[in-house]
Amino acid sequence: MARRVRCGLIQARCEGSPDKTPLARIKQAMIRKHERLLAEAARKHVQVVCLQELFYGPYFCAEQDVRWYPLAERVPGGRTVRWAQRLAKKHKMVIVLPVYEEELTGVYYNTAAVINADGRYLGKYRKHHIPHCHPGFWEKFYFAPGNTGYPVFETRYARVGVYICYDRHFPEGARALGLNGAEIVFNPSATVAGLSEYLWELEQPAHAVANMYFLGAINRVGHERPWDIGEFYGKSYFCDPRGKIIAQASRDKDEVLVADLDLDLIQQVRSTWQFYRDRRPDSYGAIAAAQVESRAAEAAN
């Protein structure tokens, strides 16, 4: 019997500008919007869904300001995670939920919680690769580098992995997710035209091909005020283990993108392309060693 999973990606524009609207009100409006979009996904019989990076507000890394720290929550236990747990149970839907996380120590992470279709919290992934601060993307002001490894979550419908936004530029973690058993990898993002749009439909299909799994890439839409660092150009998509884009959303609309993924295709592709069998990990150690030496030299200087 074929293993088919109906999956969804939710892309949306931010409601309100923080120079005119209190942060709590923006968050409340975005939670309400996503509750409606999740209900729409449920009506379309979606079984696994992923939301966009930092879904409950604007991409606040466009500025450096401590006023954004109160948006962070505990994971698990935070209000937004509990909200998603209720909806996951109600809709019998796996939800991959990007949130801003604060650890008990006061350290902050860009995190995705994975919630099973019965509402159980399964675990989290923390974004590993944090871009150097530069105008419009001041992420190191807000996030510590992730320390969760590359977990894969056994959900009711599929084995799911997560890679977040800037992570997608690094093939190593994408490979680790595949080796850890991922069948579907989600990459919730916030990326603008003119910066990396030419890579949007290149890198992630390449990860899907190299690792022979399905991949869902999510981007937000619209121009976010007051910063307007560029156009968040949507175009969320699913690609299959051959790297073919099989469904894609619009450039500028709130949307629930739905695709039926035939997980049996994974084994078919892996039986043809034996990339995991033929890899040579014994020859790759120098890559990691060179990175360690480089960082040691930087620290010494």
C-alpha atoms as a PDB file:
ATOM      1  CA  MET A   1       0.000   0.000   0.000  1.00  0.00           C
ATOM      2  CA  ALA A   2       1.423   3.367  -1.045  1.00  0.00           C
ATOM      3  CA  ARG A   3       2.497   5.730   1.717  1.00  0.00           C
ATOM      4  CA  ARG A   4       1.011   9.053   0.713  1.00  0.00           C
ATOM      5  CA  VAL A   5       1.088  12.034   3.052  1.00  0.00           C
ATOM      6  CA  ARG A   6      -0.755  15.274   2.403  1.00  0.00           C
ATOM      7  CA  CYS A   7       1.456  18.152   3.501  1.00  0.00           C
ATOM      8  CA  GLY A   8       0.977  21.896   3.705  1.00  0.00           C
ATOM      9  CA  LEU A   9       3.080  25.059   3.833  1.00  0.00           C
ATOM     10  CA  ILE A  10       1.664  28.334   5.149  1.00  0.00           C
ATOM     11  CA  GLN A  11       3.029  31.641   3.892  1.00  0.00           C
ATOM     12  CA  ALA A  12       1.603  34.954   5.086  1.00  0.00           C
ATOM     13  CA  ARG A  13       2.259  38.672   5.281  1.00  0.00           C
ATOM     14  CA  CYS A  14       2.634  40.419   8.632  1.00  0.00           C
ATOM     15  CA  GLU A  15      -0.385  42.263  10.037  1.00  0.00           C
ATOM     16  CA  GLY A  16       0.586  45.723  11.243  1.00  0.00           C
ATOM     17  CA  SER A  17       3.774  47.722  11.635  1.00  0.00           C
ATOM     18  CA  PRO A  18       5.540  47.933  15.020  1.00  0.00           C
ATOM     19  CA  ASP A  19       6.002  51.686  14.645  1.00  0.00           C
ATOM     20  CA  LYS A  20       2.221  52.068  14.777  1.00  0.00           C
ATOM     21  CA  THR A  21       0.881  48.938  16.496  1.00  0.00           C
ATOM     22  CA  PRO A  22       1.880  47.423  19.876  1.00  0.00           C
ATOM     23  CA  LEU A  23       3.873  44.217  19.550  1.00  0.00           C
ATOM     24  CA  ALA A  24       1.343  42.238  21.574  1.00  0.00           C
ATOM     25  CA  ARG A  25      -1.430  43.276  19.204  1.00  0.00           C
ATOM     26  CA  ILE A  26       0.605  42.263  16.129  1.00  0.00           C
ATOM     27  CA  LYS A  27       1.287  38.880  17.686  1.00  0.00           C
ATOM     28  CA  GLN A  28      -2.388  38.406  18.527  1.00  0.00           C
ATOM     29  CA  ALA A  29      -3.399  39.286  14.951  1.00  0.00           C
ATOM     30  CA  MET A  30      -0.862  36.862  13.476  1.00  0.00           C
ATOM     31  CA  ILE A  31      -1.963  34.058  15.806  1.00  0.00           C
ATOM     32  CA  ARG A  32      -5.580  34.627  14.740  1.00  0.00           C
ATOM     33  CA  LYS A  33      -4.587  34.668  11.064  1.00  0.00           C
ATOM     34  CA  HIS A  34      -2.664  31.414  11.382  1.00  0.00           C
ATOM     35  CA  GLU A  35      -5.483  29.789  13.289  1.00  0.00           C
ATOM     36  CA  ARG A  36      -7.691  30.493  10.268  1.00  0.00           C
ATOM     37  CA  LEU A  37      -5.036  29.237   7.871  1.00  0.00           C
ATOM     38  CA  LEU A  38      -4.542  26.068   9.905  1.00  0.00           C
ATOM     39  CA  ALA A  39      -8.316  25.516   9.826  1.00  0.00           C
ATOM     40  CA  GLU A  40      -8.163  25.910   6.040  1.00  0.00           C
ATOM     41  CA  ALA A  41      -5.358  23.338   5.930  1.00  0.00           C
ATOM     42  CA  ALA A  42      -7.507  20.977   7.981  1.00  0.00           C
ATOM     43  CA  ARG A  43     -10.418  21.400   5.560  1.00  0.00           C
ATOM     44  CA  LYS A  44      -8.011  20.404   2.791  1.00  0.00           C
ATOM     45  CA  HIS A  45      -7.127  17.274   4.804  1.00  0.00           C
ATOM     46  CA  VAL A  46      -3.508  18.306   5.405  1.00  0.00           C
ATOM     47  CA  GLN A  47      -1.717  15.869   7.715  1.00  0.00           C
ATOM     48  CA  VAL A  48       1.624  17.656   8.225  1.00  0.00           C
ATOM     49  CA  VAL A  49       2.003  21.435   8.039  1.00  0.00           C
ATOM     50  CA  CYS A  50       4.848  23.912   8.558  1.00  0.00           C
ATOM     51  CA  LEU A  51       4.587  27.660   9.234  1.00  0.00           C
ATOM     52  CA  GLN A  52       7.071  30.366   8.210  1.00  0.00           C
ATOM     53  CA  GLU A  53      10.054  31.492  10.267  1.00  0.00           C
ATOM     54  CA  LEU A  54       9.076  33.774  13.206  1.00  0.00           C
ATOM     55  CA  PHE A  55       5.479  33.401  12.043  1.00  0.00           C
ATOM     56  CA  TYR A  56       3.748  35.421  14.777  1.00  0.00           C
ATOM     57  CA  GLY A  57       5.248  38.800  13.939  1.00  0.00           C
ATOM     58  CA  PRO A  58       7.423  40.714  11.512  1.00  0.00           C
ATOM     59  CA  TYR A  59      10.981  39.715  10.727  1.00  0.00           C
ATOM     60  CA  PHE A  60      12.257  41.801  13.633  1.00  0.00           C
ATOM     61  CA  CYS A  61      15.936  41.062  12.929  1.00  0.00           C
ATOM     62  CA  ALA A  62      15.683  43.993  10.513  1.00  0.00           C
ATOM     63  CA  GLU A  63      16.656  46.130  13.530  1.00  0.00           C
ATOM     64  CA  GLN A  64      18.587  45.798  16.780  1.00  0.00           C
ATOM     65  CA  ASP A  65      16.301  46.508  19.712  1.00  0.00           C
ATOM     66  CA  VAL A  66      15.779  44.770  23.050  1.00  0.00           C
ATOM     67  CA  ARG A  67      12.026  45.410  22.817  1.00  0.00           C
ATOM     68  CA  TRP A  68      11.733  42.143  20.860  1.00  0.00           C
ATOM     69  CA  TYR A  69      13.096  39.910  23.612  1.00  0.00           C
ATOM     70  CA  PRO A  70       9.734  39.659  25.432  1.00  0.00           C
ATOM     71  CA  LEU A  71       8.307  37.875  22.368  1.00  0.00           C
ATOM     72  CA  ALA A  72      10.485  34.874  23.222  1.00  0.00           C
ATOM     73  CA  GLU A  73       8.868  31.906  24.993  1.00  0.00           C
ATOM     74  CA  ARG A  74       9.817  28.666  26.651  1.00  0.00           C
ATOM     75  CA  VAL A  75       9.845  25.613  24.394  1.00  0.00           C
ATOM     76  CA  PRO A  76       7.997  23.551  25.433  1.00  0.00           C
ATOM     77  CA  GLY A  77       5.562  25.197  27.823  1.00  0.00           C
ATOM     78  CA  GLY A  78       5.174  28.586  26.157  1.00  0.00           C
ATOM     79  CA  ARG A  79       1.779  29.979  25.267  1.00  0.00           C
ATOM     80  CA  THR A  80       2.278  29.643  21.498  1.00  0.00           C
ATOM     81  CA  VAL A  81       3.371  26.015  21.727  1.00  0.00           C
ATOM     82  CA  ARG A  82       0.365  25.193  23.919  1.00  0.00           C
ATOM     83  CA  TRP A  83      -1.881  26.945  21.367  1.00  0.00           C
ATOM     84  CA  ALA A  84      -0.452  24.830  18.568  1.00  0.00           C
ATOM     85  CA  GLN A  85      -0.785  21.656  20.634  1.00  0.00           C
ATOM     86  CA  ARG A  86      -4.514  22.280  21.014  1.00  0.00           C
ATOM     87  CA  LEU A  87      -4.919  22.842  17.277  1.00  0.00           C
ATOM     88  CA  ALA A  88      -2.808  19.819  16.355  1.00  0.00           C
ATOM     89  CA  LYS A  89      -5.014  17.616  18.493  1.00  0.00           C
ATOM     90  CA  LYS A  90      -8.209  19.219  17.179  1.00  0.00           C
ATOM     91  CA  HIS A  91      -7.229  18.822  13.516  1.00  0.00           C
ATOM     92  CA  LYS A  92      -5.256  15.555  13.925  1.00  0.00           C
ATOM     93  CA  MET A  93      -2.421  17.376  12.200  1.00  0.00           C
ATOM     94  CA  VAL A  94       1.333  17.431  12.757  1.00  0.00           C
ATOM     95  CA  ILE A  95       2.452  21.069  13.156  1.00  0.00           C
ATOM     96  CA  VAL A  96       6.021  22.296  12.660  1.00  0.00           C
ATOM     97  CA  LEU A  97       5.983  25.545  14.613  1.00  0.00           C
ATOM     98  CA  PRO A  98       8.803  28.125  14.305  1.00  0.00           C
ATOM     99  CA  VAL A  99       9.058  30.216  17.490  1.00  0.00           C
ATOM    100  CA  TYR A 100      11.446  32.570  19.252  1.00  0.00           C
ATOM    101  CA  GLU A 101      12.736  30.609  22.245  1.00  0.00           C
ATOM    102  CA  GLU A 102      14.185  31.776  25.543  1.00  0.00           C
ATOM    103  CA  GLU A 103      16.059  29.229  27.624  1.00  0.00           C
ATOM    104  CA  LEU A 104      15.952  29.401  31.411  1.00  0.00           C
ATOM    105  CA  THR A 105      19.462  30.865  31.278  1.00  0.00           C
ATOM    106  CA  GLY A 106      18.232  33.844  29.267  1.00  0.00           C
ATOM    107  CA  VAL A 107      19.856  32.601  26.057  1.00  0.00           C
ATOM    108  CA  TYR A 108      17.686  32.982  22.948  1.00  0.00           C
ATOM    109  CA  TYR A 109      17.270  30.667  19.960  1.00  0.00           C
ATOM    110  CA  ASN A 110      15.510  30.588  16.621  1.00  0.00           C
ATOM    111  CA  THR A 111      13.597  27.352  17.165  1.00  0.00           C
ATOM    112  CA  ALA A 112      11.042  25.047  15.582  1.00  0.00           C
ATOM    113  CA  ALA A 113       8.861  22.878  17.827  1.00  0.00           C
ATOM    114  CA  VAL A 114       7.424  19.692  16.324  1.00  0.00           C
ATOM    115  CA  ILE A 115       3.977  18.706  17.592  1.00  0.00           C
ATOM    116  CA  ASN A 116       2.384  15.370  16.797  1.00  0.00           C
ATOM    117  CA  ALA A 117      -1.147  14.885  15.494  1.00  0.00           C
ATOM    118  CA  ASP A 118      -2.383  14.021  18.987  1.00  0.00           C
ATOM    119  CA  GLY A 119      -1.040  17.284  20.407  1.00  0.00           C
ATOM    120  CA  ARG A 120       2.077  15.797  21.969  1.00  0.00           C
ATOM    121  CA  TYR A 121       5.239  17.877  21.876  1.00  0.00           C
ATOM    122  CA  LEU A 122       7.897  15.695  20.210  1.00  0.00           C
ATOM    123  CA  GLY A 123      10.921  17.949  20.442  1.00  0.00           C
ATOM    124  CA  LYS A 124      12.639  20.914  18.832  1.00  0.00           C
ATOM    125  CA  TYR A 125      15.286  21.974  16.390  1.00  0.00           C
ATOM    126  CA  ARG A 126      17.348  25.119  16.948  1.00  0.00           C
ATOM    127  CA  LYS A 127      18.712  27.004  13.955  1.00  0.00           C
ATOM    128  CA  HIS A 128      22.398  26.191  13.749  1.00  0.00           C
ATOM    129  CA  HIS A 129      23.815  28.693  11.303  1.00  0.00           C
ATOM    130  CA  ILE A 130      23.352  32.329  12.349  1.00  0.00           C
ATOM    131  CA  PRO A 131      24.403  34.924   9.764  1.00  0.00           C
ATOM    132  CA  HIS A 132      26.873  37.632  10.651  1.00  0.00           C
ATOM    133  CA  CYS A 133      25.115  40.827  11.584  1.00  0.00           C
ATOM    134  CA  HIS A 134      24.696  43.164   8.655  1.00  0.00           C
ATOM    135  CA  PRO A 135      22.030  45.758   7.866  1.00  0.00           C
ATOM    136  CA  GLY A 136      18.613  44.150   7.713  1.00  0.00           C
ATOM    137  CA  PHE A 137      19.654  40.770   9.130  1.00  0.00           C
ATOM    138  CA  TRP A 138      20.928  41.361  12.657  1.00  0.00           C
ATOM    139  CA  GLU A 139      20.360  37.750  13.724  1.00  0.00           C
ATOM    140  CA  LYS A 140      23.375  37.396  16.008  1.00  0.00           C
ATOM    141  CA  PHE A 141      21.888  40.185  18.104  1.00  0.00           C
ATOM    142  CA  TYR A 142      18.943  37.871  18.869  1.00  0.00           C
ATOM    143  CA  PHE A 143      19.943  34.219  18.445  1.00  0.00           C
ATOM    144  CA  ALA A 144      22.607  31.900  19.786  1.00  0.00           C
ATOM    145  CA  PRO A 145      23.785  29.157  17.401  1.00  0.00           C
ATOM    146  CA  GLY A 146      21.739  25.992  17.734  1.00  0.00           C
ATOM    147  CA  ASN A 147      22.913  23.086  19.873  1.00  0.00           C
ATOM    148  CA  THR A 148      20.298  20.390  19.235  1.00  0.00           C
ATOM    149  CA  GLY A 149      22.109  18.477  16.518  1.00  0.00           C
ATOM    150  CA  TYR A 150      19.917  17.478  13.583  1.00  0.00           C
ATOM    151  CA  PRO A 151      17.025  15.517  15.076  1.00  0.00           C
ATOM    152  CA  VAL A 152      14.411  13.680  13.054  1.00  0.00           C
ATOM    153  CA  PHE A 153      10.944  13.290  14.562  1.00  0.00           C
ATOM    154  CA  GLU A 154       8.816  10.185  14.189  1.00  0.00           C
ATOM    155  CA  THR A 155       5.388  11.717  13.700  1.00  0.00           C
ATOM    156  CA  ARG A 156       2.111   9.920  13.067  1.00  0.00           C
ATOM    157  CA  TYR A 157       2.474  10.309   9.309  1.00  0.00           C
ATOM    158  CA  ALA A 158       6.178  10.600   8.434  1.00  0.00           C
ATOM    159  CA  ARG A 159       9.711  11.089   9.736  1.00  0.00           C
ATOM    160  CA  VAL A 160      10.206  14.859   9.756  1.00  0.00           C
ATOM    161  CA  GLY A 161      13.316  17.024   9.977  1.00  0.00           C
ATOM    162  CA  VAL A 162      13.708  20.809  10.162  1.00  0.00           C
ATOM    163  CA  TYR A 163      16.316  23.214   8.795  1.00  0.00           C
ATOM    164  CA  ILE A 164      15.679  26.968   9.342  1.00  0.00           C
ATOM    165  CA  CYS A 165      16.263  29.749   6.781  1.00  0.00           C
ATOM    166  CA  TYR A 166      20.026  30.486   6.586  1.00  0.00           C
ATOM    167  CA  ASP A 167      20.735  26.833   7.379  1.00  0.00           C
ATOM    168  CA  ARG A 168      19.741  26.040   3.800  1.00  0.00           C
ATOM    169  CA  HIS A 169      23.052  27.420   2.519  1.00  0.00           C
ATOM    170  CA  PHE A 170      24.946  24.608   4.283  1.00  0.00           C
ATOM    171  CA  PRO A 171      24.807  21.072   2.822  1.00  0.00           C
ATOM    172  CA  GLU A 172      26.261  19.398   5.901  1.00  0.00           C
ATOM    173  CA  GLY A 173      23.141  19.655   8.056  1.00  0.00           C
ATOM    174  CA  ALA A 174      20.915  18.695   5.145  1.00  0.00           C
ATOM    175  CA  ARG A 175      22.980  15.523   4.780  1.00  0.00           C
ATOM    176  CA  ALA A 176      22.839  14.846   8.527  1.00  0.00           C
ATOM    177  CA  LEU A 177      19.031  15.024   8.447  1.00  0.00           C
ATOM    178  CA  GLY A 178      18.934  12.470   5.665  1.00  0.00           C
ATOM    179  CA  LEU A 179      21.332  10.135   7.431  1.00  0.00           C
ATOM    180  CA  ASN A 180      19.191  10.468  10.552  1.00  0.00           C
ATOM    181  CA  GLY A 181      16.203   9.146   8.627  1.00  0.00           C
ATOM    182  CA  ALA A 182      14.253  12.198   7.467  1.00  0.00           C
ATOM    183  CA  GLU A 183      11.616  11.589   4.806  1.00  0.00           C
ATOM    184  CA  ILE A 184      10.433  15.200   4.696  1.00  0.00           C
ATOM    185  CA  VAL A 185      12.569  18.220   5.620  1.00  0.00           C
ATOM    186  CA  PHE A 186      10.961  21.624   6.183  1.00  0.00           C
ATOM    187  CA  ASN A 187      12.840  24.904   5.846  1.00  0.00           C
ATOM    188  CA  PRO A 188      10.832  27.843   7.269  1.00  0.00           C
ATOM    189  CA  SER A 189      12.447  31.048   6.022  1.00  0.00           C
ATOM    190  CA  ALA A 190      12.326  34.833   5.767  1.00  0.00           C
ATOM    191  CA  THR A 191      14.208  35.876   2.646  1.00  0.00           C
ATOM    192  CA  VAL A 192      13.932  38.886   0.375  1.00  0.00           C
ATOM    193  CA  ALA A 193      14.262  39.536  -3.343  1.00  0.00           C
ATOM    194  CA  GLY A 194      17.654  40.734  -4.500  1.00  0.00           C
ATOM    195  CA  LEU A 195      19.522  38.918  -1.745  1.00  0.00           C
ATOM    196  CA  SER A 196      19.149  35.216  -2.456  1.00  0.00           C
ATOM    197  CA  GLU A 197      16.111  34.745  -4.671  1.00  0.00           C
ATOM    198  CA  TYR A 198      18.269  33.273  -7.412  1.00  0.00           C
ATOM    199  CA  LEU A 199      19.236  30.516  -4.943  1.00  0.00           C
ATOM    200  CA  TRP A 200      15.667  29.876  -3.734  1.00  0.00           C
ATOM    201  CA  GLU A 201      14.864  27.236  -6.328  1.00  0.00           C
ATOM    202  CA  LEU A 202      18.429  25.956  -6.626  1.00  0.00           C
ATOM    203  CA  GLU A 203      19.875  25.033  -3.242  1.00  0.00           C
ATOM    204  CA  GLN A 204      16.980  23.186  -1.678  1.00  0.00           C
ATOM    205  CA  PRO A 205      16.126  20.977  -4.664  1.00  0.00           C
ATOM    206  CA  ALA A 206      19.852  20.167  -4.650  1.00  0.00           C
ATOM    207  CA  HIS A 207      19.572  19.077  -0.991  1.00  0.00           C
ATOM    208  CA  ALA A 208      16.548  16.953  -1.907  1.00  0.00           C
ATOM    209  CA  VAL A 209      18.478  15.281  -4.737  1.00  0.00           C
ATOM    210  CA  ALA A 210      21.676  14.735  -2.743  1.00  0.00           C
ATOM    211  CA  ASN A 211      19.772  13.217   0.154  1.00  0.00           C
ATOM    212  CA  MET A 212      16.813  11.687  -1.683  1.00  0.00           C
ATOM    213  CA  TYR A 213      13.982  13.064   0.451  1.00  0.00           C
ATOM    214  CA  PHE A 214      11.099  15.506   0.070  1.00  0.00           C
ATOM    215  CA  LEU A 215      11.651  19.131   1.016  1.00  0.00           C
ATOM    216  CA  GLY A 216       9.197  21.911   1.851  1.00  0.00           C
ATOM    217  CA  ALA A 217      10.538  25.489   1.627  1.00  0.00           C
ATOM    218  CA  ILE A 218       8.488  28.315   3.157  1.00  0.00           C
ATOM    219  CA  ASN A 219       8.905  32.070   2.720  1.00  0.00           C
ATOM    220  CA  ARG A 220       6.778  34.985   3.935  1.00  0.00           C
ATOM    221  CA  VAL A 221       5.253  37.619   1.633  1.00  0.00           C
ATOM    222  CA  GLY A 222       5.078  41.389   1.420  1.00  0.00           C
ATOM    223  CA  HIS A 223       7.063  44.498   2.435  1.00  0.00           C
ATOM    224  CA  GLU A 224       7.367  44.876   6.220  1.00  0.00           C
ATOM    225  CA  ARG A 225       7.330  48.349   7.722  1.00  0.00           C
ATOM    226  CA  PRO A 226       8.908  50.447   8.980  1.00  0.00           C
ATOM    227  CA  TRP A 227      12.170  48.888   7.759  1.00  0.00           C
ATOM    228  CA  ASP A 228      11.282  47.591   4.279  1.00  0.00           C
ATOM    229  CA  ILE A 229      14.498  45.626   3.834  1.00  0.00           C
ATOM    230  CA  GLY A 230      13.038  44.223   0.620  1.00  0.00           C
ATOM    231  CA  GLU A 231      10.191  42.128  -0.745  1.00  0.00           C
ATOM    232  CA  PHE A 232       9.494  38.841   0.960  1.00  0.00           C
ATOM    233  CA  TYR A 233       8.617  37.061  -2.246  1.00  0.00           C
ATOM    234  CA  GLY A 234       6.697  33.991  -1.113  1.00  0.00           C
ATOM    235  CA  LYS A 235       7.061  31.230  -3.727  1.00  0.00           C
ATOM    236  CA  SER A 236       6.961  28.511  -1.063  1.00  0.00           C
ATOM    237  CA  TYR A 237       7.265  25.085  -2.630  1.00  0.00           C
ATOM    238  CA  PHE A 238       7.595  21.338  -2.287  1.00  0.00           C
ATOM    239  CA  CYS A 239      10.185  19.376  -4.222  1.00  0.00           C
ATOM    240  CA  ASP A 240      10.559  15.616  -4.504  1.00  0.00           C
ATOM    241  CA  PRO A 241      13.611  13.354  -4.065  1.00  0.00           C
ATOM    242  CA  ARG A 242      14.528  13.934  -7.706  1.00  0.00           C
ATOM    243  CA  GLY A 243      14.673  17.695  -7.102  1.00  0.00           C
ATOM    244  CA  LYS A 244      11.532  18.450  -9.079  1.00  0.00           C
ATOM    245  CA  ILE A 245       9.302  21.252  -7.751  1.00  0.00           C
ATOM    246  CA  ILE A 246       5.888  19.609  -7.557  1.00  0.00           C
ATOM    247  CA  ALA A 247       3.834  22.468  -6.057  1.00  0.00           C
ATOM    248  CA  GLN A 248       4.532  26.176  -5.590  1.00  0.00           C
ATOM    249  CA  ALA A 249       2.696  29.082  -3.976  1.00  0.00           C
ATOM    250  CA  SER A 250       2.196  32.616  -5.288  1.00  0.00           C
ATOM    251  CA  ARG A 251       4.646  35.463  -4.862  1.00  0.00           C
ATOM    252  CA  ASP A 252       2.435  37.858  -2.921  1.00  0.00           C
ATOM    253  CA  LYS A 253      -0.564  36.133  -1.312  1.00  0.00           C
ATOM    254  CA  ASP A 254      -1.353  34.532   2.030  1.00  0.00           C
ATOM    255  CA  GLU A 255      -1.636  30.908   1.071  1.00  0.00           C
ATOM    256  CA  VAL A 256      -1.882  27.310   2.220  1.00  0.00           C
ATOM    257  CA  LEU A 257       0.105  25.299  -0.306  1.00  0.00           C
ATOM    258  CA  VAL A 258      -0.871  21.624  -0.370  1.00  0.00           C
ATOM    259  CA  ALA A 259       0.876  18.656  -1.965  1.00  0.00           C
ATOM    260  CA  ASP A 260       0.471  14.890  -1.747  1.00  0.00           C
ATOM    261  CA  LEU A 261       3.872  13.303  -1.139  1.00  0.00           C
ATOM    262  CA  ASP A 262       4.382   9.665  -2.156  1.00  0.00           C
ATOM    263  CA  LEU A 263       6.948   8.497   0.389  1.00  0.00           C
ATOM    264  CA  ASP A 264       7.510   5.271  -1.558  1.00  0.00           C
ATOM    265  CA  LEU A 265       9.313   7.419  -4.126  1.00  0.00           C
ATOM    266  CA  ILE A 266      12.155   7.890  -1.628  1.00  0.00           C
ATOM    267  CA  GLN A 267      13.138   4.222  -1.752  1.00  0.00           C
ATOM    268  CA  GLN A 268      12.703   4.108  -5.507  1.00  0.00           C
ATOM    269  CA  VAL A 269      15.156   6.980  -5.918  1.00  0.00           C
ATOM    270  CA  ARG A 270      17.590   5.577  -3.363  1.00  0.00           C
ATOM    271  CA  SER A 271      17.596   2.234  -5.143  1.00  0.00           C
ATOM    272  CA  THR A 272      18.701   4.050  -8.294  1.00  0.00           C
ATOM    273  CA  TRP A 273      21.080   6.653  -6.889  1.00  0.00           C
ATOM    274  CA  GLN A 274      23.171   5.048  -4.138  1.00  0.00           C
ATOM    275  CA  PHE A 275      24.574   8.296  -2.768  1.00  0.00           C
ATOM    276  CA  TYR A 276      24.552   7.124   0.836  1.00  0.00           C
ATOM    277  CA  ARG A 277      26.176   3.799  -0.018  1.00  0.00           C
ATOM    278  CA  ASP A 278      28.933   5.386  -2.098  1.00  0.00           C
ATOM    279  CA  ARG A 279      29.864   8.325   0.119  1.00  0.00           C
ATOM    280  CA  ARG A 280      33.341   8.414   1.705  1.00  0.00           C
ATOM    281  CA  PRO A 281      33.123   9.757   5.255  1.00  0.00           C
ATOM    282  CA  ASP A 282      36.696   8.587   5.897  1.00  0.00           C
ATOM    283  CA  SER A 283      37.833  11.289   3.455  1.00  0.00           C
ATOM    284  CA  TYR A 284      35.750  14.156   4.854  1.00  0.00           C
ATOM    285  CA  GLY A 285      37.430  14.667   8.219  1.00  0.00           C
ATOM    286  CA  ALA A 286      39.751  17.328   6.875  1.00  0.00           C
ATOM    287  CA  ILE A 287      36.776  19.619   6.264  1.00  0.00           C
ATOM    288  CA  ALA A 288      35.845  19.727   9.941  1.00  0.00           C
ATOM    289  CA  ALA A 289      39.486  19.844  11.055  1.00  0.00           C
ATOM    290  CA  ALA A 290      40.191  22.853   8.857  1.00  0.00           C
ATOM    291  CA  GLN A 291      37.179  24.674  10.308  1.00  0.00           C
ATOM    292  CA  VAL A 292      38.305  24.008  13.887  1.00  0.00           C
ATOM    293  CA  GLU A 293      41.828  25.258  13.109  1.00  0.00           C
ATOM    294  CA  SER A 294      40.441  28.361  11.410  1.00  0.00           C
ATOM    295  CA  ARG A 295      38.293  29.249  14.409  1.00  0.00           C
ATOM    296  CA  ALA A 296      41.188  28.672  16.796  1.00  0.00           C
ATOM    297  CA  ALA A 297      43.344  31.046  14.741  1.00  0.00           C
ATOM    298  CA  GLU A 298      40.598  33.682  14.731  1.00  0.00           C
ATOM    299  CA  ALA A 299      40.255  33.397  18.513  1.00  0.00           C
ATOM    300  CA  ALA A 300      44.004  33.752  18.974  1.00  0.00           C
ATOM    301  CA  ASN A 301      44.035  36.956  16.962  1.00  0.00           C
END
